[in-house]
Protein backbone atom coordinates (compact mmCIF):
# COMPACT_ATOMS: atom_id res chain seq x y z
CA UNK A 1 -31.99 -29.68 23.09
CA UNK A 2 -35.15 -30.71 24.25
CA UNK A 3 -36.14 -30.92 27.72
CA UNK A 4 -35.64 -34.21 29.96
CA UNK A 5 -38.20 -36.79 30.57
CA UNK A 6 -38.70 -39.43 33.34
CA UNK A 7 -37.17 -42.56 32.05
CA UNK A 8 -37.34 -44.64 35.30
CA UNK A 9 -40.05 -43.48 38.08
CA UNK A 10 -40.12 -45.87 41.37
CA UNK A 11 -40.95 -45.30 45.37
CA UNK A 12 -38.30 -45.86 47.31
CA UNK A 13 -37.96 -49.18 49.62
CA UNK A 14 -39.39 -47.21 52.75
CA UNK A 15 -41.67 -45.34 50.83
CA UNK A 16 -40.60 -41.81 51.45
CA UNK A 17 -39.19 -40.65 48.70
CA UNK A 18 -40.42 -40.50 44.85
CA UNK A 19 -37.24 -41.73 42.87
CA UNK A 20 -37.14 -40.53 39.03
CA UNK A 21 -34.45 -41.22 36.83
CA UNK A 22 -34.11 -38.47 33.49
CA UNK A 23 -33.48 -39.01 30.00
CA UNK A 24 -30.34 -36.89 30.74
CA UNK A 25 -29.09 -39.44 33.28
CA UNK A 26 -29.76 -37.55 36.53
CA UNK A 27 -31.41 -39.26 39.22
CA UNK A 28 -33.42 -37.27 41.48
CA UNK A 29 -35.09 -38.19 45.04
CA UNK A 30 -37.77 -36.20 45.73
CA UNK A 31 -39.02 -36.39 49.34
CA UNK A 32 -42.63 -37.03 49.56
CA UNK A 33 -43.35 -34.58 51.94
CA UNK A 34 -41.73 -31.73 49.21
CA UNK A 35 -44.10 -33.13 46.57
CA UNK A 36 -47.09 -32.84 48.85
CA UNK A 37 -46.09 -29.08 50.21
CA UNK A 38 -45.12 -27.99 46.44
CA UNK A 39 -48.60 -29.26 45.20
CA UNK A 40 -49.75 -27.63 41.81
CA UNK A 41 -53.11 -27.80 42.05
CA UNK A 42 -55.50 -24.89 42.36
CA UNK A 43 -56.49 -25.65 45.48
CA UNK A 44 -53.11 -26.55 47.05
CA UNK A 45 -51.73 -23.22 45.74
CA UNK A 46 -54.28 -20.81 46.76
CA UNK A 47 -54.53 -22.44 50.32
CA UNK A 48 -50.64 -21.54 50.39
CA UNK A 49 -50.86 -18.25 49.26
CA UNK A 50 -53.83 -17.10 51.20
CA UNK A 51 -52.11 -18.19 54.37
CA UNK A 52 -48.69 -16.51 54.01
CA UNK A 53 -45.29 -17.76 53.32
CA UNK A 54 -44.89 -19.14 56.91
CA UNK A 55 -48.09 -21.17 56.93
CA UNK A 56 -47.19 -24.88 57.55
CA UNK A 57 -49.85 -27.52 56.80
CA UNK A 58 -50.28 -30.47 58.56
CA UNK A 59 -50.50 -33.99 57.10
CA UNK A 60 -51.37 -37.61 58.44
CA UNK A 61 -49.64 -40.50 57.69
CA UNK A 62 -51.95 -40.69 54.78
CA UNK A 63 -51.07 -37.40 53.34
CA UNK A 64 -47.78 -38.25 52.88
CA UNK A 65 -48.24 -41.51 51.44
CA UNK A 66 -48.46 -42.19 47.26
CA UNK A 67 -51.05 -44.70 46.64
CA UNK A 68 -51.02 -44.62 42.46
CA UNK A 69 -48.58 -42.74 39.84
CA UNK A 70 -50.45 -41.66 36.63
CA UNK A 71 -48.33 -40.40 33.52
CA UNK A 72 -50.64 -37.81 32.28
CA UNK A 73 -49.59 -37.69 28.09
CA UNK A 74 -46.22 -36.77 27.61
CA UNK A 75 -45.71 -34.01 30.10
CA UNK A 76 -46.97 -34.81 33.59
CA UNK A 77 -47.34 -37.00 36.48
CA UNK A 78 -50.43 -37.50 38.39
CA UNK A 79 -49.38 -38.40 41.89
CA UNK A 80 -52.83 -40.21 43.57
CA UNK A 81 -52.10 -39.52 47.66
CA UNK A 82 -53.39 -42.28 50.09
CA UNK A 83 -55.50 -39.50 51.90
CA UNK A 84 -57.78 -39.21 48.57
CA UNK A 85 -56.10 -36.05 47.09
CA UNK A 86 -55.68 -36.83 43.60
CA UNK A 87 -55.94 -33.17 41.75
CA UNK A 88 -51.99 -32.08 41.67
CA UNK A 89 -50.48 -32.55 37.97
CA UNK A 90 -46.59 -31.93 38.05
CA UNK A 91 -45.53 -31.23 34.71
CA UNK A 92 -42.09 -32.78 33.62
CA UNK A 93 -40.30 -29.19 33.93
CA UNK A 94 -42.23 -28.42 37.50
CA UNK A 95 -41.10 -31.55 38.97
CA UNK A 96 -37.61 -31.79 37.39
CA UNK A 97 -37.28 -27.61 39.33
CA UNK A 98 -37.71 -29.26 42.45
CA UNK A 99 -35.22 -32.35 42.08
CA UNK A 100 -33.05 -31.64 45.17
CA UNK A 101 -29.77 -32.84 43.04
CA UNK A 102 -30.67 -30.64 40.07
CA UNK A 103 -30.12 -27.90 42.15
CA UNK A 104 -26.77 -29.25 43.56
CA UNK A 105 -25.61 -30.15 40.36
CA UNK A 106 -26.11 -26.42 39.05
CA UNK A 107 -23.86 -25.19 41.71
CA UNK A 108 -21.13 -26.99 40.75
């Protein structure tokens, strides 16, 4: 069976969630704060590793707002944040691993 891919991607009405529906029917509601904290770019991952497990970055409202979502090929999304940060490429497998609803479904 192939890896699920997004079939619908949108922001919640209040702008605090990224909503993704996958080909297998799972709907994921990603808090933007989670996606920003888990940004996979080199700068963010290096900063998190160097500061330790208890590091809590401080973000402005712009850092928690997505201004644009771009699909990267057939494998990932690039999130453009309102503060200008744009280097995080979230591949579909990584996004799926971050899905709060996926972890709940596996607990059943």
